[in-house]
Amino acid sequence: MPSYILQFNADTPKEEQEKVKKSVLDKGGKILHEYSLMGGFSFELPADHIQTLDAFPCVQNVEADSTVSTQ
């Protein structure tokens, strides 16, 4: 299953964040890590469900998780 990183808008209430997380879990996904500093989380989700997160106005962006290295 592909993994992604989601970032919330800065003013997103905790209740709205929980709704998004529940949606990921309800669609067969798995929360991998929560990022309190940036206000988001990493998760796995079947690729055919990723577009459903666009329905949440509190989501700033979603991008595929990848490995970053320096030289």
PDB file of N, CA and C in Angstrom:
ATOM      1  N   MET A   1       0.853  -1.173   0.000  1.00  0.00           N
ATOM      2  CA  MET A   1       0.000   0.000   0.000  1.00  0.00           C
ATOM      3  C   MET A   1       0.902   1.240   0.000  1.00  0.00           C
ATOM      4  N   PRO A   2       0.613   2.226  -0.841  1.00  0.00           N
ATOM      5  CA  PRO A   2       1.441   3.432  -0.873  1.00  0.00           C
ATOM      6  C   PRO A   2       1.304   4.244   0.417  1.00  0.00           C
ATOM      7  N   SER A   3       2.347   4.980   0.763  1.00  0.00           N
ATOM      8  CA  SER A   3       2.286   5.835   1.951  1.00  0.00           C
ATOM      9  C   SER A   3       2.327   7.305   1.533  1.00  0.00           C
ATOM     10  N   TYR A   4       1.717   8.139   2.362  1.00  0.00           N
ATOM     11  CA  TYR A   4       1.538   9.558   2.074  1.00  0.00           C
ATOM     12  C   TYR A   4       1.784  10.379   3.327  1.00  0.00           C
ATOM     13  N   ILE A   5       1.972  11.683   3.127  1.00  0.00           N
ATOM     14  CA  ILE A   5       2.031  12.642   4.227  1.00  0.00           C
ATOM     15  C   ILE A   5       0.951  13.681   3.977  1.00  0.00           C
ATOM     16  N   LEU A   6       0.142  13.932   4.999  1.00  0.00           N
ATOM     17  CA  LEU A   6      -0.944  14.903   4.917  1.00  0.00           C
ATOM     18  C   LEU A   6      -0.636  16.045   5.871  1.00  0.00           C
ATOM     19  N   GLN A   7      -0.885  17.271   5.415  1.00  0.00           N
ATOM     20  CA  GLN A   7      -0.722  18.444   6.262  1.00  0.00           C
ATOM     21  C   GLN A   7      -2.049  19.188   6.341  1.00  0.00           C
ATOM     22  N   PHE A   8      -2.432  19.548   7.576  1.00  0.00           N
ATOM     23  CA  PHE A   8      -3.658  20.306   7.801  1.00  0.00           C
ATOM     24  C   PHE A   8      -3.391  21.801   7.677  1.00  0.00           C
ATOM     25  N   ASN A   9      -4.456  22.568   7.410  1.00  0.00           N
ATOM     26  CA  ASN A   9      -4.375  24.021   7.513  1.00  0.00           C
ATOM     27  C   ASN A   9      -4.032  24.363   8.962  1.00  0.00           C
ATOM     28  N   ALA A  10      -3.359  25.479   9.174  1.00  0.00           N
ATOM     29  CA  ALA A  10      -2.860  25.847  10.501  1.00  0.00           C
ATOM     30  C   ALA A  10      -3.951  25.967  11.563  1.00  0.00           C
ATOM     31  N   ASP A  11      -5.131  26.383  11.193  1.00  0.00           N
ATOM     32  CA  ASP A  11      -6.194  26.631  12.173  1.00  0.00           C
ATOM     33  C   ASP A  11      -7.184  25.471  12.310  1.00  0.00           C
ATOM     34  N   THR A  12      -6.798  24.282  11.879  1.00  0.00           N
ATOM     35  CA  THR A  12      -7.722  23.144  11.889  1.00  0.00           C
ATOM     36  C   THR A  12      -7.944  22.627  13.307  1.00  0.00           C
ATOM     37  N   PRO A  13      -9.209  22.625  13.773  1.00  0.00           N
ATOM     38  CA  PRO A  13      -9.503  22.091  15.110  1.00  0.00           C
ATOM     39  C   PRO A  13      -9.214  20.586  15.187  1.00  0.00           C
ATOM     40  N   LYS A  14      -8.907  20.130  16.385  1.00  0.00           N
ATOM     41  CA  LYS A  14      -8.596  18.720  16.626  1.00  0.00           C
ATOM     42  C   LYS A  14      -9.735  17.813  16.150  1.00  0.00           C
ATOM     43  N   GLU A  15     -10.989  18.243  16.329  1.00  0.00           N
ATOM     44  CA  GLU A  15     -12.144  17.426  15.926  1.00  0.00           C
ATOM     45  C   GLU A  15     -12.132  17.161  14.420  1.00  0.00           C
ATOM     46  N   GLU A  16     -11.779  18.181  13.641  1.00  0.00           N
ATOM     47  CA  GLU A  16     -11.718  18.019  12.185  1.00  0.00           C
ATOM     48  C   GLU A  16     -10.568  17.102  11.785  1.00  0.00           C
ATOM     49  N   GLN A  17      -9.447  17.216  12.477  1.00  0.00           N
ATOM     50  CA  GLN A  17      -8.314  16.334  12.211  1.00  0.00           C
ATOM     51  C   GLN A  17      -8.704  14.875  12.457  1.00  0.00           C
ATOM     52  N   GLU A  18      -9.443  14.647  13.522  1.00  0.00           N
ATOM     53  CA  GLU A  18      -9.873  13.283  13.855  1.00  0.00           C
ATOM     54  C   GLU A  18     -10.817  12.718  12.790  1.00  0.00           C
ATOM     55  N   LYS A  19     -11.655  13.557  12.199  1.00  0.00           N
ATOM     56  CA  LYS A  19     -12.552  13.106  11.125  1.00  0.00           C
ATOM     57  C   LYS A  19     -11.757  12.617   9.917  1.00  0.00           C
ATOM     58  N   VAL A  20     -10.690  13.343   9.583  1.00  0.00           N
ATOM     59  CA  VAL A  20      -9.854  12.946   8.447  1.00  0.00           C
ATOM     60  C   VAL A  20      -9.158  11.620   8.750  1.00  0.00           C
ATOM     61  N   LYS A  21      -8.607  11.490   9.945  1.00  0.00           N
ATOM     62  CA  LYS A  21      -7.940  10.240  10.336  1.00  0.00           C
ATOM     63  C   LYS A  21      -8.915   9.074  10.303  1.00  0.00           C
ATOM     64  N   LYS A  22     -10.132   9.296  10.786  1.00  0.00           N
ATOM     65  CA  LYS A  22     -11.148   8.238  10.767  1.00  0.00           C
ATOM     66  C   LYS A  22     -11.468   7.830   9.337  1.00  0.00           C
ATOM     67  N   SER A  23     -11.526   8.796   8.429  1.00  0.00           N
ATOM     68  CA  SER A  23     -11.784   8.496   7.024  1.00  0.00           C
ATOM     69  C   SER A  23     -10.690   7.600   6.449  1.00  0.00           C
ATOM     70  N   VAL A  24      -9.437   7.895   6.774  1.00  0.00           N
ATOM     71  CA  VAL A  24      -8.318   7.061   6.316  1.00  0.00           C
ATOM     72  C   VAL A  24      -8.488   5.634   6.831  1.00  0.00           C
ATOM     73  N   LEU A  25      -8.782   5.497   8.116  1.00  0.00           N
ATOM     74  CA  LEU A  25      -8.940   4.165   8.710  1.00  0.00           C
ATOM     75  C   LEU A  25     -10.148   3.428   8.135  1.00  0.00           C
ATOM     76  N   ASP A  26     -11.250   4.144   7.931  1.00  0.00           N
ATOM     77  CA  ASP A  26     -12.465   3.526   7.385  1.00  0.00           C
ATOM     78  C   ASP A  26     -12.276   3.004   5.965  1.00  0.00           C
ATOM     79  N   LYS A  27     -11.320   3.566   5.245  1.00  0.00           N
ATOM     80  CA  LYS A  27     -11.069   3.141   3.862  1.00  0.00           C
ATOM     81  C   LYS A  27      -9.937   2.123   3.768  1.00  0.00           C
ATOM     82  N   GLY A  28      -9.590   1.527   4.906  1.00  0.00           N
ATOM     83  CA  GLY A  28      -8.576   0.476   4.913  1.00  0.00           C
ATOM     84  C   GLY A  28      -7.157   0.963   5.095  1.00  0.00           C
ATOM     85  N   GLY A  29      -6.994   2.226   5.463  1.00  0.00           N
ATOM     86  CA  GLY A  29      -5.665   2.787   5.657  1.00  0.00           C
ATOM     87  C   GLY A  29      -5.128   2.552   7.052  1.00  0.00           C
ATOM     88  N   LYS A  30      -3.911   3.032   7.267  1.00  0.00           N
ATOM     89  CA  LYS A  30      -3.232   2.868   8.547  1.00  0.00           C
ATOM     90  C   LYS A  30      -2.450   4.151   8.835  1.00  0.00           C
ATOM     91  N   ILE A  31      -2.647   4.731  10.027  1.00  0.00           N
ATOM     92  CA  ILE A  31      -1.886   5.903  10.449  1.00  0.00           C
ATOM     93  C   ILE A  31      -0.505   5.417  10.888  1.00  0.00           C
ATOM     94  N   LEU A  32       0.542   6.011  10.321  1.00  0.00           N
ATOM     95  CA  LEU A  32       1.904   5.582  10.637  1.00  0.00           C
ATOM     96  C   LEU A  32       2.573   6.464  11.684  1.00  0.00           C
ATOM     97  N   HIS A  33       2.397   7.777  11.559  1.00  0.00           N
ATOM     98  CA  HIS A  33       3.049   8.705  12.485  1.00  0.00           C
ATOM     99  C   HIS A  33       2.308  10.036  12.468  1.00  0.00           C
ATOM    100  N   GLU A  34       2.221  10.681  13.634  1.00  0.00           N
ATOM    101  CA  GLU A  34       1.608  12.002  13.708  1.00  0.00           C
ATOM    102  C   GLU A  34       2.697  13.046  13.890  1.00  0.00           C
ATOM    103  N   TYR A  35       2.575  14.166  13.170  1.00  0.00           N
ATOM    104  CA  TYR A  35       3.553  15.251  13.214  1.00  0.00           C
ATOM    105  C   TYR A  35       2.904  16.474  13.852  1.00  0.00           C
ATOM    106  N   SER A  36       3.125  16.663  15.140  1.00  0.00           N
ATOM    107  CA  SER A  36       2.485  17.776  15.838  1.00  0.00           C
ATOM    108  C   SER A  36       3.070  19.124  15.420  1.00  0.00           C
ATOM    109  N   LEU A  37       4.351  19.178  15.111  1.00  0.00           N
ATOM    110  CA  LEU A  37       4.983  20.442  14.746  1.00  0.00           C
ATOM    111  C   LEU A  37       4.422  21.008  13.443  1.00  0.00           C
ATOM    112  N   MET A  38       4.223  20.154  12.449  1.00  0.00           N
ATOM    113  CA  MET A  38       3.708  20.624  11.160  1.00  0.00           C
ATOM    114  C   MET A  38       2.196  20.463  11.038  1.00  0.00           C
ATOM    115  N   GLY A  39       1.570  19.805  12.012  1.00  0.00           N
ATOM    116  CA  GLY A  39       0.127  19.621  11.966  1.00  0.00           C
ATOM    117  C   GLY A  39      -0.308  18.672  10.878  1.00  0.00           C
ATOM    118  N   GLY A  40       0.075  17.419  11.008  1.00  0.00           N
ATOM    119  CA  GLY A  40      -0.296  16.429  10.008  1.00  0.00           C
ATOM    120  C   GLY A  40       0.061  15.026  10.449  1.00  0.00           C
ATOM    121  N   PHE A  41       0.033  14.103   9.498  1.00  0.00           N
ATOM    122  CA  PHE A  41       0.362  12.719   9.809  1.00  0.00           C
ATOM    123  C   PHE A  41       0.762  11.979   8.547  1.00  0.00           C
ATOM    124  N   SER A  42       1.475  10.883   8.738  1.00  0.00           N
ATOM    125  CA  SER A  42       1.792  10.002   7.614  1.00  0.00           C
ATOM    126  C   SER A  42       0.880   8.792   7.718  1.00  0.00           C
ATOM    127  N   PHE A  43       0.578   8.209   6.572  1.00  0.00           N
ATOM    128  CA  PHE A  43      -0.377   7.108   6.551  1.00  0.00           C
ATOM    129  C   PHE A  43      -0.211   6.273   5.298  1.00  0.00           C
ATOM    130  N   GLU A  44      -0.740   5.067   5.354  1.00  0.00           N
ATOM    131  CA  GLU A  44      -0.858   4.204   4.179  1.00  0.00           C
ATOM    132  C   GLU A  44      -2.326   4.164   3.806  1.00  0.00           C
ATOM    133  N   LEU A  45      -2.600   4.152   2.500  1.00  0.00           N
ATOM    134  CA  LEU A  45      -3.973   4.112   2.010  1.00  0.00           C
ATOM    135  C   LEU A  45      -3.959   3.563   0.593  1.00  0.00           C
ATOM    136  N   PRO A  46      -4.915   2.681   0.264  1.00  0.00           N
ATOM    137  CA  PRO A  46      -4.983   2.220  -1.125  1.00  0.00           C
ATOM    138  C   PRO A  46      -5.085   3.430  -2.062  1.00  0.00           C
ATOM    139  N   ALA A  47      -4.323   3.401  -3.139  1.00  0.00           N
ATOM    140  CA  ALA A  47      -4.231   4.541  -4.057  1.00  0.00           C
ATOM    141  C   ALA A  47      -5.581   4.988  -4.608  1.00  0.00           C
ATOM    142  N   ASP A  48      -6.516   4.065  -4.772  1.00  0.00           N
ATOM    143  CA  ASP A  48      -7.814   4.445  -5.337  1.00  0.00           C
ATOM    144  C   ASP A  48      -8.680   5.244  -4.360  1.00  0.00           C
ATOM    145  N   HIS A  49      -8.241   5.403  -3.111  1.00  0.00           N
ATOM    146  CA  HIS A  49      -9.009   6.178  -2.128  1.00  0.00           C
ATOM    147  C   HIS A  49      -8.388   7.536  -1.813  1.00  0.00           C
ATOM    148  N   ILE A  50      -7.219   7.819  -2.336  1.00  0.00           N
ATOM    149  CA  ILE A  50      -6.510   9.045  -1.956  1.00  0.00           C
ATOM    150  C   ILE A  50      -7.288  10.306  -2.332  1.00  0.00           C
ATOM    151  N   GLN A  51      -8.013  10.300  -3.432  1.00  0.00           N
ATOM    152  CA  GLN A  51      -8.768  11.483  -3.861  1.00  0.00           C
ATOM    153  C   GLN A  51      -9.904  11.841  -2.904  1.00  0.00           C
ATOM    154  N   THR A  52     -10.364  10.887  -2.097  1.00  0.00           N
ATOM    155  CA  THR A  52     -11.462  11.173  -1.165  1.00  0.00           C
ATOM    156  C   THR A  52     -11.058  12.203  -0.114  1.00  0.00           C
ATOM    157  N   LEU A  53      -9.765  12.373   0.125  1.00  0.00           N
ATOM    158  CA  LEU A  53      -9.313  13.342   1.123  1.00  0.00           C
ATOM    159  C   LEU A  53      -9.463  14.778   0.635  1.00  0.00           C
ATOM    160  N   ASP A  54      -9.640  14.969  -0.661  1.00  0.00           N
ATOM    161  CA  ASP A  54      -9.868  16.310  -1.215  1.00  0.00           C
ATOM    162  C   ASP A  54     -11.187  16.909  -0.732  1.00  0.00           C
ATOM    163  N   ALA A  55     -12.085  16.085  -0.248  1.00  0.00           N
ATOM    164  CA  ALA A  55     -13.390  16.552   0.211  1.00  0.00           C
ATOM    165  C   ALA A  55     -13.297  17.305   1.545  1.00  0.00           C
ATOM    166  N   PHE A  56     -12.173  17.211   2.226  1.00  0.00           N
ATOM    167  CA  PHE A  56     -12.009  17.872   3.520  1.00  0.00           C
ATOM    168  C   PHE A  56     -11.329  19.231   3.330  1.00  0.00           C
ATOM    169  N   PRO A  57     -12.051  20.337   3.591  1.00  0.00           N
ATOM    170  CA  PRO A  57     -11.463  21.667   3.403  1.00  0.00           C
ATOM    171  C   PRO A  57     -10.285  21.949   4.338  1.00  0.00           C
ATOM    172  N   CYS A  58     -10.166  21.201   5.429  1.00  0.00           N
ATOM    173  CA  CYS A  58      -9.081  21.428   6.389  1.00  0.00           C
ATOM    174  C   CYS A  58      -7.747  20.842   5.930  1.00  0.00           C
ATOM    175  N   VAL A  59      -7.753  20.066   4.851  1.00  0.00           N
ATOM    176  CA  VAL A  59      -6.519  19.451   4.354  1.00  0.00           C
ATOM    177  C   VAL A  59      -5.796  20.442   3.443  1.00  0.00           C
ATOM    178  N   GLN A  60      -4.583  20.812   3.838  1.00  0.00           N
ATOM    179  CA  GLN A  60      -3.788  21.745   3.033  1.00  0.00           C
ATOM    180  C   GLN A  60      -3.163  21.034   1.847  1.00  0.00           C
ATOM    181  N   ASN A  61      -2.528  19.884   2.097  1.00  0.00           N
ATOM    182  CA  ASN A  61      -1.983  19.106   0.986  1.00  0.00           C
ATOM    183  C   ASN A  61      -1.709  17.668   1.399  1.00  0.00           C
ATOM    184  N   VAL A  62      -1.632  16.821   0.389  1.00  0.00           N
ATOM    185  CA  VAL A  62      -1.290  15.410   0.555  1.00  0.00           C
ATOM    186  C   VAL A  62      -0.251  15.095  -0.511  1.00  0.00           C
ATOM    187  N   GLU A  63       0.832  14.476  -0.098  1.00  0.00           N
ATOM    188  CA  GLU A  63       1.851  14.090  -1.076  1.00  0.00           C
ATOM    189  C   GLU A  63       2.373  12.702  -0.754  1.00  0.00           C
ATOM    190  N   ALA A  64       2.872  12.054  -1.766  1.00  0.00           N
ATOM    191  CA  ALA A  64       3.446  10.727  -1.584  1.00  0.00           C
ATOM    192  C   ALA A  64       4.666  10.833  -0.681  1.00  0.00           C
ATOM    193  N   ASP A  65       4.778   9.913   0.261  1.00  0.00           N
ATOM    194  CA  ASP A  65       5.935   9.856   1.145  1.00  0.00           C
ATOM    195  C   ASP A  65       7.098   9.269   0.359  1.00  0.00           C
ATOM    196  N   SER A  66       8.278   9.811   0.575  1.00  0.00           N
ATOM    197  CA  SER A  66       9.451   9.305  -0.137  1.00  0.00           C
ATOM    198  C   SER A  66      10.689   9.480   0.728  1.00  0.00           C
ATOM    199  N   THR A  67      11.735   8.805   0.359  1.00  0.00           N
ATOM    200  CA  THR A  67      12.996   8.915   1.066  1.00  0.00           C
ATOM    201  C   THR A  67      13.780  10.096   0.511  1.00  0.00           C
ATOM    202  N   VAL A  68      14.289  10.912   1.414  1.00  0.00           N
ATOM    203  CA  VAL A  68      15.091  12.061   1.025  1.00  0.00           C
ATOM    204  C   VAL A  68      16.505  11.833   1.544  1.00  0.00           C
ATOM    205  N   SER A  69      17.484  12.080   0.686  1.00  0.00           N
ATOM    206  CA  SER A  69      18.873  11.919   1.123  1.00  0.00           C
ATOM    207  C   SER A  69      19.716  13.066   0.588  1.00  0.00           C
ATOM    208  N   THR A  70      20.854  13.255   1.205  1.00  0.00           N
ATOM    209  CA  THR A  70      21.801  14.253   0.721  1.00  0.00           C
ATOM    210  C   THR A  70      23.009  13.516   0.185  1.00  0.00           C
ATOM    211  N   GLN A  71      23.274  13.690  -1.061  1.00  0.00           N
ATOM    212  CA  GLN A  71      24.363  13.066  -1.804  1.00  0.00           C
ATOM    213  C   GLN A  71      24.650  11.699  -1.339  1.00  0.00           C
TER     214      GLN A  71
END
